[in-house]
Amino acid sequence: MMEESTFSHLMILVAVIGLAGFIQFMEFINKRIMKDEK
């Protein structure tokens, strides 16, 4: 049980970090596009 719980928590942690990283990446791309338009 302990191993499954730790694994599920790890997967949630990875998902949250991945989502946050994806948002940061999208904002970075949007900023570059804005600069190119100007």
PDB file of N, CA and C in Angstrom:
ATOM      1  N   MET A   1       0.828  -1.205   0.000  1.00  0.00           N
ATOM      2  CA  MET A   1       0.000   0.000   0.000  1.00  0.00           C
ATOM      3  C   MET A   1       0.866   1.260   0.000  1.00  0.00           C
ATOM      4  N   MET A   2       1.901   1.268   0.797  1.00  0.00           N
ATOM      5  CA  MET A   2       2.776   2.441   0.888  1.00  0.00           C
ATOM      6  C   MET A   2       3.400   2.759  -0.471  1.00  0.00           C
ATOM      7  N   GLU A   3       3.846   1.731  -1.179  1.00  0.00           N
ATOM      8  CA  GLU A   3       4.492   1.960  -2.475  1.00  0.00           C
ATOM      9  C   GLU A   3       3.506   2.554  -3.486  1.00  0.00           C
ATOM     10  N   GLU A   4       2.276   2.039  -3.506  1.00  0.00           N
ATOM     11  CA  GLU A   4       1.272   2.557  -4.437  1.00  0.00           C
ATOM     12  C   GLU A   4       0.931   4.003  -4.114  1.00  0.00           C
ATOM     13  N   SER A   5       0.820   4.321  -2.819  1.00  0.00           N
ATOM     14  CA  SER A   5       0.495   5.689  -2.397  1.00  0.00           C
ATOM     15  C   SER A   5       1.610   6.639  -2.819  1.00  0.00           C
ATOM     16  N   THR A   6       2.867   6.235  -2.566  1.00  0.00           N
ATOM     17  CA  THR A   6       4.014   7.077  -2.934  1.00  0.00           C
ATOM     18  C   THR A   6       4.053   7.281  -4.445  1.00  0.00           C
ATOM     19  N   PHE A   7       3.778   6.216  -5.193  1.00  0.00           N
ATOM     20  CA  PHE A   7       3.803   6.288  -6.656  1.00  0.00           C
ATOM     21  C   PHE A   7       2.732   7.244  -7.172  1.00  0.00           C
ATOM     22  N   SER A   8       1.521   7.151  -6.602  1.00  0.00           N
ATOM     23  CA  SER A   8       0.427   8.030  -7.036  1.00  0.00           C
ATOM     24  C   SER A   8       0.754   9.480  -6.726  1.00  0.00           C
ATOM     25  N   HIS A   9       1.342   9.724  -5.548  1.00  0.00           N
ATOM     26  CA  HIS A   9       1.731  11.091  -5.185  1.00  0.00           C
ATOM     27  C   HIS A   9       2.816  11.599  -6.136  1.00  0.00           C
ATOM     28  N   LEU A  10       3.747  10.719  -6.498  1.00  0.00           N
ATOM     29  CA  LEU A  10       4.835  11.095  -7.404  1.00  0.00           C
ATOM     30  C   LEU A  10       4.269  11.470  -8.775  1.00  0.00           C
ATOM     31  N   MET A  11       3.298  10.687  -9.252  1.00  0.00           N
ATOM     32  CA  MET A  11       2.682  10.965 -10.554  1.00  0.00           C
ATOM     33  C   MET A  11       1.967  12.310 -10.542  1.00  0.00           C
ATOM     34  N   ILE A  12       1.267  12.614  -9.433  1.00  0.00           N
ATOM     35  CA  ILE A  12       0.569  13.900  -9.304  1.00  0.00           C
ATOM     36  C   ILE A  12       1.591  15.031  -9.313  1.00  0.00           C
ATOM     37  N   LEU A  13       2.695  14.837  -8.597  1.00  0.00           N
ATOM     38  CA  LEU A  13       3.745  15.855  -8.517  1.00  0.00           C
ATOM     39  C   LEU A  13       4.324  16.121  -9.904  1.00  0.00           C
ATOM     40  N   VAL A  14       4.607  15.049 -10.635  1.00  0.00           N
ATOM     41  CA  VAL A  14       5.154  15.179 -11.997  1.00  0.00           C
ATOM     42  C   VAL A  14       4.156  15.902 -12.906  1.00  0.00           C
ATOM     43  N   ALA A  15       2.865  15.569 -12.763  1.00  0.00           N
ATOM     44  CA  ALA A  15       1.829  16.197 -13.589  1.00  0.00           C
ATOM     45  C   ALA A  15       1.751  17.692 -13.309  1.00  0.00           C
ATOM     46  N   VAL A  16       1.807  18.066 -12.030  1.00  0.00           N
ATOM     47  CA  VAL A  16       1.728  19.488 -11.644  1.00  0.00           C
ATOM     48  C   VAL A  16       2.940  20.246 -12.168  1.00  0.00           C
ATOM     49  N   ILE A  17       4.138  19.663 -11.992  1.00  0.00           N
ATOM     50  CA  ILE A  17       5.370  20.313 -12.468  1.00  0.00           C
ATOM     51  C   ILE A  17       5.336  20.438 -13.995  1.00  0.00           C
ATOM     52  N   GLY A  18       4.878  19.395 -14.663  1.00  0.00           N
ATOM     53  CA  GLY A  18       4.790  19.414 -16.122  1.00  0.00           C
ATOM     54  C   GLY A  18       3.828  20.488 -16.601  1.00  0.00           C
ATOM     55  N   LEU A  19       2.683  20.603 -15.922  1.00  0.00           N
ATOM     56  CA  LEU A  19       1.689  21.613 -16.289  1.00  0.00           C
ATOM     57  C   LEU A  19       2.252  23.012 -16.081  1.00  0.00           C
ATOM     58  N   ALA A  20       2.909  23.236 -14.951  1.00  0.00           N
ATOM     59  CA  ALA A  20       3.501  24.546 -14.648  1.00  0.00           C
ATOM     60  C   ALA A  20       4.572  24.887 -15.686  1.00  0.00           C
ATOM     61  N   GLY A  21       5.394  23.909 -16.026  1.00  0.00           N
ATOM     62  CA  GLY A  21       6.444  24.120 -17.019  1.00  0.00           C
ATOM     63  C   GLY A  21       5.853  24.436 -18.390  1.00  0.00           C
ATOM     64  N   PHE A  22       4.748  23.761 -18.726  1.00  0.00           N
ATOM     65  CA  PHE A  22       4.077  23.991 -20.008  1.00  0.00           C
ATOM     66  C   PHE A  22       3.529  25.415 -20.077  1.00  0.00           C
ATOM     67  N   ILE A  23       2.934  25.896 -18.969  1.00  0.00           N
ATOM     68  CA  ILE A  23       2.395  27.267 -18.909  1.00  0.00           C
ATOM     69  C   ILE A  23       3.528  28.275 -19.063  1.00  0.00           C
ATOM     70  N   GLN A  24       4.645  28.042 -18.378  1.00  0.00           N
ATOM     71  CA  GLN A  24       5.805  28.939 -18.482  1.00  0.00           C
ATOM     72  C   GLN A  24       6.300  28.971 -19.928  1.00  0.00           C
ATOM     73  N   PHE A  25       6.341  27.798 -20.563  1.00  0.00           N
ATOM     74  CA  PHE A  25       6.801  27.688 -21.946  1.00  0.00           C
ATOM     75  C   PHE A  25       5.883  28.462 -22.891  1.00  0.00           C
ATOM     76  N   MET A  26       4.562  28.329 -22.699  1.00  0.00           N
ATOM     77  CA  MET A  26       3.592  29.031 -23.538  1.00  0.00           C
ATOM     78  C   MET A  26       3.730  30.537 -23.380  1.00  0.00           C
ATOM     79  N   GLU A  27       3.936  31.012 -22.150  1.00  0.00           N
ATOM     80  CA  GLU A  27       4.107  32.450 -21.903  1.00  0.00           C
ATOM     81  C   GLU A  27       5.375  32.949 -22.592  1.00  0.00           C
ATOM     82  N   PHE A  28       6.445  32.144 -22.545  1.00  0.00           N
ATOM     83  CA  PHE A  28       7.711  32.504 -23.191  1.00  0.00           C
ATOM     84  C   PHE A  28       7.513  32.636 -24.701  1.00  0.00           C
ATOM     85  N   ILE A  29       6.801  31.689 -25.302  1.00  0.00           N
ATOM     86  CA  ILE A  29       6.528  31.721 -26.741  1.00  0.00           C
ATOM     87  C   ILE A  29       5.680  32.949 -27.085  1.00  0.00           C
ATOM     88  N   ASN A  30       4.659  33.228 -26.271  1.00  0.00           N
ATOM     89  CA  ASN A  30       3.788  34.385 -26.516  1.00  0.00           C
ATOM     90  C   ASN A  30       4.586  35.676 -26.461  1.00  0.00           C
ATOM     91  N   LYS A  31       5.510  35.786 -25.517  1.00  0.00           N
ATOM     92  CA  LYS A  31       6.336  36.992 -25.406  1.00  0.00           C
ATOM     93  C   LYS A  31       7.208  37.155 -26.647  1.00  0.00           C
ATOM     94  N   ARG A  32       7.766  36.066 -27.144  1.00  0.00           N
ATOM     95  CA  ARG A  32       8.611  36.134 -28.347  1.00  0.00           C
ATOM     96  C   ARG A  32       7.771  36.557 -29.552  1.00  0.00           C
ATOM     97  N   ILE A  33       6.542  36.044 -29.655  1.00  0.00           N
ATOM     98  CA  ILE A  33       5.654  36.397 -30.769  1.00  0.00           C
ATOM     99  C   ILE A  33       5.312  37.886 -30.690  1.00  0.00           C
ATOM    100  N   MET A  34       5.034  38.379 -29.485  1.00  0.00           N
ATOM    101  CA  MET A  34       4.705  39.798 -29.293  1.00  0.00           C
ATOM    102  C   MET A  34       5.871  40.670 -29.757  1.00  0.00           C
ATOM    103  N   LYS A  35       7.097  40.273 -29.395  1.00  0.00           N
ATOM    104  CA  LYS A  35       8.282  41.045 -29.790  1.00  0.00           C
ATOM    105  C   LYS A  35       8.437  41.035 -31.312  1.00  0.00           C
ATOM    106  N   ASP A  36       8.189  39.891 -31.932  1.00  0.00           N
ATOM    107  CA  ASP A  36       8.316  39.788 -33.389  1.00  0.00           C
ATOM    108  C   ASP A  36       7.291  40.683 -34.090  1.00  0.00           C
ATOM    109  N   GLU A  37       6.069  40.768 -33.551  1.00  0.00           N
ATOM    110  CA  GLU A  37       5.028  41.596 -34.161  1.00  0.00           C
ATOM    111  C   GLU A  37       5.403  43.066 -34.080  1.00  0.00           C
ATOM    112  N   LYS A  38       6.003  43.475 -32.972  1.00  0.00           N
ATOM    113  CA  LYS A  38       6.428  44.873 -32.819  1.00  0.00           C
ATOM    114  C   LYS A  38       7.694  45.094 -33.642  1.00  0.00           C
TER     115      LYS A  38
END
